[in-house]
């Protein structure tokens, strides 16, 4: 318990407030962390999403520069090994930003993207509007809501118009800093829309509902101001901003004590579906029966299904996620793991995937995590396209296997 309290006190600092951008490092600790400690760690962590539990019993976490000496001494005292994975995470991400997003022209070419840089929110919106205008027979755009800062939340519907099509919902950009999730979804759109009727029947006989940027305010703020920003940008009390959209869904909402901290990076909001973004999502789902939900996140090289969903349908979820993971692996040879989200150490509440599965009964609800670097959305420009191709391969495989 002393060890647990120490970690909670020192490791789990709030970065949800509008404060100066402190130097942050990524560390790895390895030692005697039993399941009870890990569960309590997550339940009480005020910065839960910035802790990653690996299959080999290690914990990766972010910490501030001024904490290093004290934490290193304490880890050594208790026989826990530590390794510094990334010095100055913000600095590294900023370096990547300079390489991948120096000017607008690097992200856009003609009517599409270069796939070597991350587009601005404006460029994304222009692209979606243009796709719908260019291919009106099978691609339609709608604005499903607006953010607290009045940015539109766009959704594309891609369909052959048949009344008996099965519907699949795809989203990305739930967290502002997950740029690779967004560009991967855009690549999927770019892959199927221009030559839609030349696609396999398992693609054209589905109704695809795609929300490329669920969190426009957060995405824009991460691109322009704070690379590590994950929440939306609604003004809260004092100097705190934002709600974690993936803690704002009405299944297990606020069961984690940490998510109730208004300045936490994973603050769940005052009530379920309090945010314009999650309200918009709910309206879409309430108005249509979906057979599949695929949420793209970055990064982690995993395909995950809902916690506890394996009790009765283990074989079904294991088979489908394995097929998706293998398809993604074939692109670049990276190993994508497929697991129950809980068994991967991602114990979370108020998540979209759980609400879709347990409340809306969408039996095939999965998270696809892109490639990255130690759990961070940090890849060089030349890996953006392979990452996008991996996600596209995963989405195509899901459509193929679910007929």
Protein backbone atom coordinates (compact mmCIF):
# COMPACT_ATOMS: atom_id res chain seq x y z
CA UNK A 1 0.00 0.00 0.00
CA UNK A 2 2.90 2.37 0.76
CA UNK A 3 4.32 1.62 -2.67
CA UNK A 4 0.95 2.19 -4.30
CA UNK A 5 0.42 5.51 -2.54
CA UNK A 6 3.86 6.67 -3.54
CA UNK A 7 3.14 5.99 -7.20
CA UNK A 8 -0.22 7.70 -6.98
CA UNK A 9 1.27 10.76 -5.31
CA UNK A 10 4.30 11.18 -7.52
CA UNK A 11 3.43 9.71 -10.88
CA UNK A 12 -0.11 10.78 -11.45
CA UNK A 13 -0.01 14.54 -11.83
CA UNK A 14 -2.72 16.53 -13.51
CA UNK A 15 -1.98 17.93 -16.96
CA UNK A 16 -5.57 18.70 -17.84
CA UNK A 17 -5.26 22.30 -16.69
CA UNK A 18 -4.11 25.25 -18.75
CA UNK A 19 -0.62 25.40 -17.28
CA UNK A 20 2.86 25.93 -18.63
CA UNK A 21 4.08 23.02 -20.71
CA UNK A 22 6.42 21.21 -18.36
CA UNK A 23 9.06 18.80 -19.58
CA UNK A 24 7.65 15.28 -19.57
CA UNK A 25 9.55 12.00 -19.82
CA UNK A 26 8.48 8.45 -20.59
CA UNK A 27 9.76 5.86 -18.12
CA UNK A 28 9.38 2.12 -17.72
CA UNK A 29 9.20 0.38 -14.32
CA UNK A 30 9.51 -3.36 -13.86
CA UNK A 31 9.04 -5.36 -10.70
CA UNK A 32 6.47 -6.90 -8.36
CA UNK A 33 3.18 -5.36 -9.53
CA UNK A 34 0.37 -7.78 -8.73
CA UNK A 35 -3.15 -7.55 -10.19
CA UNK A 36 -4.60 -5.86 -7.12
CA UNK A 37 -2.02 -3.11 -7.23
CA UNK A 38 -2.53 -2.64 -10.96
CA UNK A 39 -6.30 -2.36 -10.59
CA UNK A 40 -6.03 0.15 -7.75
CA UNK A 41 -3.42 2.01 -9.77
CA UNK A 42 -5.91 2.51 -12.56
CA UNK A 43 -8.93 3.19 -10.37
CA UNK A 44 -7.27 6.05 -8.54
CA UNK A 45 -4.97 7.39 -11.23
CA UNK A 46 -5.72 10.97 -12.15
CA UNK A 47 -3.78 10.53 -15.38
CA UNK A 48 -4.88 7.04 -16.27
CA UNK A 49 -4.41 7.10 -20.03
CA UNK A 50 -0.80 8.12 -19.62
CA UNK A 51 0.06 4.79 -18.01
CA UNK A 52 0.53 1.69 -20.13
CA UNK A 53 0.69 -1.85 -18.76
CA UNK A 54 2.62 -4.27 -20.95
CA UNK A 55 2.12 -8.01 -21.24
CA UNK A 56 5.53 -8.71 -19.72
CA UNK A 57 4.60 -7.13 -16.38
CA UNK A 58 6.13 -3.72 -16.93
CA UNK A 59 4.54 -0.30 -16.57
CA UNK A 60 5.30 2.65 -18.83
CA UNK A 61 4.34 6.08 -17.55
CA UNK A 62 4.86 9.79 -18.06
CA UNK A 63 6.41 11.96 -15.36
CA UNK A 64 7.64 15.49 -14.96
CA UNK A 65 11.28 16.53 -15.08
CA UNK A 66 11.41 17.57 -11.40
CA UNK A 67 10.17 14.17 -10.22
CA UNK A 68 12.93 12.06 -11.74
CA UNK A 69 15.48 11.92 -8.92
CA UNK A 70 12.97 11.15 -6.20
CA UNK A 71 11.17 8.49 -8.23
CA UNK A 72 14.40 6.84 -9.34
CA UNK A 73 15.57 6.62 -5.73
CA UNK A 74 12.28 5.14 -4.58
CA UNK A 75 12.17 2.56 -7.36
CA UNK A 76 15.68 1.46 -6.47
CA UNK A 77 14.82 1.26 -2.76
CA UNK A 78 11.94 -1.12 -3.48
CA UNK A 79 13.80 -3.30 -5.94
CA UNK A 80 11.99 -2.01 -9.01
CA UNK A 81 14.00 -1.51 -12.15
CA UNK A 82 13.52 1.64 -14.20
CA UNK A 83 14.48 2.64 -17.72
CA UNK A 84 14.11 6.00 -19.42
CA UNK A 85 12.41 5.32 -22.75
CA UNK A 86 12.08 8.88 -24.04
CA UNK A 87 13.70 12.03 -22.67
CA UNK A 88 11.50 15.09 -23.16
CA UNK A 89 8.43 13.60 -24.80
CA UNK A 90 7.06 16.99 -25.84
CA UNK A 91 10.37 17.83 -27.48
CA UNK A 92 10.43 14.59 -29.43
CA UNK A 93 6.86 15.06 -30.56
CA UNK A 94 7.60 18.65 -31.54
CA UNK A 95 10.54 17.44 -33.63
CA UNK A 96 8.20 15.04 -35.38
CA UNK A 97 5.73 17.88 -35.86
CA UNK A 98 8.33 20.00 -37.63
CA UNK A 99 9.06 17.11 -39.99
CA UNK A 100 5.46 16.11 -40.70
CA UNK A 101 3.52 19.37 -40.51
CA UNK A 102 5.78 22.31 -41.41
CA UNK A 103 3.46 23.86 -43.99
CA UNK A 104 0.07 23.23 -45.51
CA UNK A 105 1.46 22.23 -48.87
CA UNK A 106 3.20 19.21 -47.34
CA UNK A 107 -0.10 17.63 -46.30
CA UNK A 108 -2.21 18.22 -49.42
CA UNK A 109 -1.64 17.39 -53.06
CA UNK A 110 -4.37 18.03 -55.59
CA UNK A 111 -7.64 16.62 -54.31
CA UNK A 112 -6.03 14.32 -51.76
CA UNK A 113 -3.25 14.14 -49.19
CA UNK A 114 0.46 13.40 -49.45
CA UNK A 115 0.27 10.81 -46.62
CA UNK A 116 3.61 12.09 -45.35
CA UNK A 117 2.23 14.89 -43.17
CA UNK A 118 -0.79 15.47 -40.97
CA UNK A 119 -3.49 17.72 -42.44
CA UNK A 120 -5.07 20.62 -40.61
CA UNK A 121 -8.69 20.44 -39.51
CA UNK A 122 -9.62 22.88 -42.27
CA UNK A 123 -7.93 20.70 -44.89
CA UNK A 124 -9.76 17.64 -43.59
CA UNK A 125 -13.14 19.36 -43.75
CA UNK A 126 -12.44 20.66 -47.26
CA UNK A 127 -11.46 17.15 -48.34
CA UNK A 128 -14.64 15.56 -46.95
CA UNK A 129 -16.84 18.18 -48.60
CA UNK A 130 -15.04 17.70 -51.90
CA UNK A 131 -15.38 13.91 -51.76
CA UNK A 132 -19.13 14.18 -51.27
CA UNK A 133 -19.41 16.71 -54.11
CA UNK A 134 -17.28 14.64 -56.49
CA UNK A 135 -18.96 11.28 -55.81
CA UNK A 136 -22.58 12.14 -54.95
CA UNK A 137 -23.98 8.77 -56.04
CA UNK A 138 -22.40 6.91 -53.17
CA UNK A 139 -20.81 9.45 -50.80
CA UNK A 140 -22.81 11.89 -48.71
CA UNK A 141 -21.65 14.28 -46.00
CA UNK A 142 -23.61 15.44 -42.98
CA UNK A 143 -22.83 17.62 -39.99
CA UNK A 144 -23.89 15.60 -36.97
CA UNK A 145 -23.11 18.32 -34.44
CA UNK A 146 -20.93 21.26 -33.48
CA UNK A 147 -18.35 21.55 -30.74
CA UNK A 148 -18.22 24.04 -27.88
CA UNK A 149 -16.11 26.19 -30.19
CA UNK A 150 -18.65 25.80 -33.02
CA UNK A 151 -16.51 23.55 -35.18
CA UNK A 152 -18.56 21.13 -37.30
CA UNK A 153 -18.39 17.40 -36.66
CA UNK A 154 -18.64 15.81 -40.09
CA UNK A 155 -19.70 12.30 -41.00
CA UNK A 156 -19.50 10.58 -44.37
CA UNK A 157 -21.99 7.94 -45.41
CA UNK A 158 -20.65 5.67 -48.14
CA UNK A 159 -23.29 3.39 -49.65
CA UNK A 160 -24.63 1.84 -52.85
CA UNK A 161 -28.12 2.78 -51.68
CA UNK A 162 -29.47 -0.74 -51.22
CA UNK A 163 -32.05 -1.04 -48.45
CA UNK A 164 -30.73 -4.34 -47.09
CA UNK A 165 -27.15 -3.20 -46.47
CA UNK A 166 -25.61 -3.78 -43.06
CA UNK A 167 -24.29 -0.66 -41.36
CA UNK A 168 -20.80 -0.17 -39.92
CA UNK A 169 -19.74 2.84 -37.86
CA UNK A 170 -16.10 3.95 -37.93
CA UNK A 171 -14.68 6.81 -35.88
CA UNK A 172 -11.28 8.29 -35.12
CA UNK A 173 -9.78 11.38 -33.55
CA UNK A 174 -11.60 10.82 -30.26
CA UNK A 175 -8.47 12.08 -28.52
CA UNK A 176 -6.92 15.25 -29.90
CA UNK A 177 -3.33 14.03 -29.95
CA UNK A 178 -4.07 10.85 -31.92
CA UNK A 179 -3.32 12.25 -35.34
CA UNK A 180 -2.42 8.93 -36.94
CA UNK A 181 -5.89 7.58 -36.19
CA UNK A 182 -7.39 10.46 -38.18
CA UNK A 183 -5.15 10.22 -41.22
CA UNK A 184 -5.61 6.44 -41.28
CA UNK A 185 -9.37 6.84 -41.48
CA UNK A 186 -8.97 9.43 -44.23
CA UNK A 187 -6.81 6.97 -46.14
CA UNK A 188 -9.54 4.34 -45.87
CA UNK A 189 -12.03 6.83 -47.32
CA UNK A 190 -9.57 7.69 -50.09
CA UNK A 191 -9.10 4.00 -50.84
CA UNK A 192 -12.74 3.07 -51.35
CA UNK A 193 -14.69 6.16 -52.46
CA UNK A 194 -13.12 7.13 -55.84
CA UNK A 195 -13.53 3.60 -57.26
CA UNK A 196 -16.32 2.42 -55.00
CA UNK A 197 -18.11 0.22 -57.51
CA UNK A 198 -14.88 -1.60 -58.30
CA UNK A 199 -14.50 -2.64 -54.67
CA UNK A 200 -15.33 -6.19 -53.52
CA UNK A 201 -18.99 -6.88 -52.80
CA UNK A 202 -18.27 -7.16 -49.08
CA UNK A 203 -17.37 -3.44 -49.18
CA UNK A 204 -20.07 -2.13 -51.50
CA UNK A 205 -22.90 -4.01 -49.76
CA UNK A 206 -22.22 -2.24 -46.47
CA UNK A 207 -23.36 1.19 -45.40
CA UNK A 208 -20.24 2.90 -44.03
CA UNK A 209 -20.80 5.71 -41.55
CA UNK A 210 -17.44 7.38 -40.93
CA UNK A 211 -16.61 10.14 -38.44
CA UNK A 212 -12.95 11.00 -39.18
CA UNK A 213 -12.55 13.59 -36.39
CA UNK A 214 -14.90 13.09 -33.45
CA UNK A 215 -12.99 15.70 -31.44
CA UNK A 216 -12.31 18.63 -33.82
CA UNK A 217 -11.43 21.12 -31.07
CA UNK A 218 -8.94 18.75 -29.48
CA UNK A 219 -7.37 17.78 -32.79
CA UNK A 220 -6.93 21.40 -33.83
CA UNK A 221 -5.50 22.38 -30.43
CA UNK A 222 -3.06 19.47 -30.47
CA UNK A 223 -1.87 20.42 -33.95
CA UNK A 224 -1.40 24.09 -33.18
CA UNK A 225 -0.66 24.43 -29.46
CA UNK A 226 -0.09 21.35 -27.29
CA UNK A 227 0.92 18.09 -28.98
CA UNK A 228 -0.06 16.00 -25.93
CA UNK A 229 -3.61 17.35 -25.59
CA UNK A 230 -6.22 14.56 -25.59
CA UNK A 231 -9.56 15.98 -24.38
CA UNK A 232 -12.03 18.32 -26.02
CA UNK A 233 -11.71 22.06 -25.36
CA UNK A 234 -14.79 23.05 -23.38
CA UNK A 235 -13.98 25.58 -20.66
CA UNK A 236 -14.50 24.21 -17.17
CA UNK A 237 -13.88 25.65 -13.71
CA UNK A 238 -10.86 27.85 -13.09
CA UNK A 239 -8.01 27.17 -15.49
CA UNK A 240 -9.18 23.69 -16.49
CA UNK A 241 -10.40 22.72 -19.91
CA UNK A 242 -11.83 19.65 -21.50
CA UNK A 243 -13.57 16.34 -21.05
CA UNK A 244 -12.17 13.00 -22.16
CA UNK A 245 -14.80 11.98 -24.70
CA UNK A 246 -13.94 8.32 -24.23
CA UNK A 247 -14.95 8.51 -20.56
CA UNK A 248 -18.24 10.32 -21.25
CA UNK A 249 -20.38 7.37 -22.34
CA UNK A 250 -23.19 5.92 -20.24
CA UNK A 251 -21.75 2.54 -19.34
CA UNK A 252 -19.73 2.37 -16.15
CA UNK A 253 -19.53 6.16 -16.24
CA UNK A 254 -17.50 7.74 -13.38
CA UNK A 255 -16.71 4.36 -11.78
CA UNK A 256 -13.06 5.43 -11.73
CA UNK A 257 -12.51 7.94 -8.96
CA UNK A 258 -9.80 9.62 -10.99
CA UNK A 259 -12.12 10.52 -13.86
CA UNK A 260 -14.15 12.76 -11.54
CA UNK A 261 -11.26 15.21 -11.14
CA UNK A 262 -12.28 18.17 -13.26
CA UNK A 263 -8.67 18.97 -14.20
CA UNK A 264 -7.69 15.38 -14.90
CA UNK A 265 -6.58 14.41 -18.40
CA UNK A 266 -9.29 11.75 -18.36
CA UNK A 267 -12.09 13.75 -16.70
CA UNK A 268 -15.40 12.01 -17.47
CA UNK A 269 -17.60 15.11 -17.46
CA UNK A 270 -20.45 16.17 -15.14
CA UNK A 271 -22.90 13.59 -16.55
CA UNK A 272 -22.83 10.97 -19.32
CA UNK A 273 -23.16 12.46 -22.79
CA UNK A 274 -22.57 15.95 -21.45
CA UNK A 275 -20.48 16.92 -24.48
CA UNK A 276 -21.61 18.05 -27.90
CA UNK A 277 -19.32 15.46 -29.47
CA UNK A 278 -20.70 12.48 -27.55
CA UNK A 279 -24.27 13.77 -27.95
CA UNK A 280 -23.71 13.83 -31.71
CA UNK A 281 -22.31 10.30 -31.61
CA UNK A 282 -25.32 9.10 -29.62
CA UNK A 283 -27.78 10.65 -32.06
CA UNK A 284 -26.14 8.78 -34.92
CA UNK A 285 -26.23 5.46 -33.09
CA UNK A 286 -29.77 5.91 -31.77
CA UNK A 287 -31.01 6.54 -35.29
CA UNK A 288 -29.52 3.46 -36.96
CA UNK A 289 -28.90 -0.21 -36.21
CA UNK A 290 -25.20 -0.95 -36.61
CA UNK A 291 -23.75 -4.43 -36.92
CA UNK A 292 -20.21 -3.22 -36.37
CA UNK A 293 -18.34 -0.43 -34.61
CA UNK A 294 -14.66 0.16 -35.24
CA UNK A 295 -12.93 2.92 -33.29
CA UNK A 296 -9.46 3.90 -34.50
CA UNK A 297 -6.95 5.07 -31.89
CA UNK A 298 -3.22 5.73 -31.85
CA UNK A 299 -1.05 4.19 -30.83
CA UNK A 300 -0.53 0.65 -29.55
CA UNK A 301 -0.48 -1.95 -32.38
CA UNK A 302 -3.47 -3.81 -30.94
CA UNK A 303 -6.98 -4.90 -31.84
CA UNK A 304 -9.17 -4.94 -28.74
CA UNK A 305 -12.67 -6.09 -27.87
CA UNK A 306 -14.80 -5.00 -24.87
CA UNK A 307 -13.90 -5.95 -21.32
CA UNK A 308 -15.67 -9.08 -20.17
CA UNK A 309 -17.19 -9.65 -23.58
CA UNK A 310 -15.45 -12.99 -23.87
CA UNK A 311 -17.57 -14.82 -21.29
CA UNK A 312 -20.08 -16.20 -23.80
CA UNK A 313 -18.63 -15.24 -27.16
CA UNK A 314 -14.91 -15.60 -26.64
CA UNK A 315 -14.37 -17.55 -29.84
CA UNK A 316 -16.29 -15.04 -31.97
CA UNK A 317 -14.39 -11.98 -30.74
CA UNK A 318 -11.05 -13.75 -30.67
CA UNK A 319 -11.52 -14.96 -34.24
CA UNK A 320 -12.57 -11.59 -35.62
CA UNK A 321 -9.88 -9.56 -33.85
CA UNK A 322 -7.25 -12.10 -34.84
CA UNK A 323 -8.26 -11.84 -38.49
CA UNK A 324 -8.09 -8.05 -38.32
CA UNK A 325 -4.71 -8.13 -36.54
CA UNK A 326 -3.24 -10.55 -39.09
CA UNK A 327 -4.45 -8.40 -41.97
CA UNK A 328 -2.82 -5.34 -40.42
CA UNK A 329 0.39 -7.27 -39.82
CA UNK A 330 0.68 -8.27 -43.48
CA UNK A 331 1.21 -4.66 -44.53
CA UNK A 332 4.48 -3.97 -42.77
CA UNK A 333 5.27 -7.03 -40.68
CA UNK A 334 4.46 -5.42 -37.33
CA UNK A 335 2.83 -7.69 -34.78
CA UNK A 336 -0.65 -6.51 -33.83
CA UNK A 337 -1.96 -8.18 -30.68
CA UNK A 338 -5.65 -9.07 -30.31
CA UNK A 339 -7.07 -9.28 -26.79
CA UNK A 340 -9.88 -8.50 -24.40
CA UNK A 341 -9.29 -4.84 -23.53
CA UNK A 342 -9.29 -5.64 -19.81
CA UNK A 343 -6.61 -8.31 -20.18
CA UNK A 344 -4.39 -5.76 -21.90
CA UNK A 345 -4.44 -3.68 -18.71
CA UNK A 346 -6.71 -1.00 -20.17
CA UNK A 347 -9.29 -1.02 -17.38
CA UNK A 348 -11.50 1.94 -18.18
CA UNK A 349 -15.08 3.03 -17.68
CA UNK A 350 -17.39 5.29 -19.66
CA UNK A 351 -15.85 4.14 -22.95
CA UNK A 352 -17.62 4.16 -26.30
CA UNK A 353 -16.72 0.55 -27.05
CA UNK A 354 -18.42 -0.70 -23.87
CA UNK A 355 -21.51 1.45 -24.39
CA UNK A 356 -21.84 0.22 -27.96
CA UNK A 357 -21.44 -3.42 -26.96
CA UNK A 358 -23.31 -3.67 -23.67
CA UNK A 359 -25.99 -0.99 -24.12
CA UNK A 360 -26.57 -0.74 -27.88
CA UNK A 361 -25.89 -4.45 -28.42
CA UNK A 362 -23.45 -3.93 -31.29
CA UNK A 363 -21.84 -7.33 -30.96
CA UNK A 364 -18.82 -6.54 -33.10
CA UNK A 365 -17.38 -3.48 -31.33
CA UNK A 366 -13.62 -3.17 -31.57
CA UNK A 367 -10.73 -0.76 -31.11
CA UNK A 368 -7.95 -0.70 -33.70
CA UNK A 369 -4.74 0.86 -32.40
CA UNK A 370 -2.25 2.07 -34.97
CA UNK A 371 1.49 1.65 -34.91
CA UNK A 372 3.40 4.11 -32.73
CA UNK A 373 6.35 4.38 -30.38
CA UNK A 374 6.07 3.07 -26.82
CA UNK A 375 2.34 3.74 -26.78
CA UNK A 376 2.67 7.28 -28.14
CA UNK A 377 1.47 8.58 -31.49
CA UNK A 378 5.02 9.34 -32.53
CA UNK A 379 6.15 8.05 -35.92
CA UNK A 380 8.40 9.51 -38.64
CA UNK A 381 6.82 10.86 -41.85
CA UNK A 382 7.68 7.77 -43.86
CA UNK A 383 5.62 5.61 -41.51
CA UNK A 384 2.37 7.57 -41.85
CA UNK A 385 1.34 5.81 -45.05
CA UNK A 386 2.15 2.28 -43.80
CA UNK A 387 0.18 3.02 -40.63
CA UNK A 388 -2.78 4.18 -42.69
CA UNK A 389 -2.56 1.12 -44.92
CA UNK A 390 -2.57 -1.14 -41.86
CA UNK A 391 -5.80 0.38 -40.57
CA UNK A 392 -7.38 0.14 -44.02
CA UNK A 393 -6.41 -3.52 -44.22
CA UNK A 394 -8.01 -4.12 -40.84
CA UNK A 395 -11.25 -2.40 -41.82
CA UNK A 396 -11.40 -4.29 -45.10
CA UNK A 397 -10.84 -7.59 -43.34
CA UNK A 398 -13.67 -6.87 -40.92
CA UNK A 399 -16.01 -6.17 -43.83
CA UNK A 400 -14.89 -9.36 -45.55
CA UNK A 401 -15.41 -11.59 -42.52
CA UNK A 402 -18.74 -10.07 -41.52
CA UNK A 403 -21.06 -10.79 -44.44
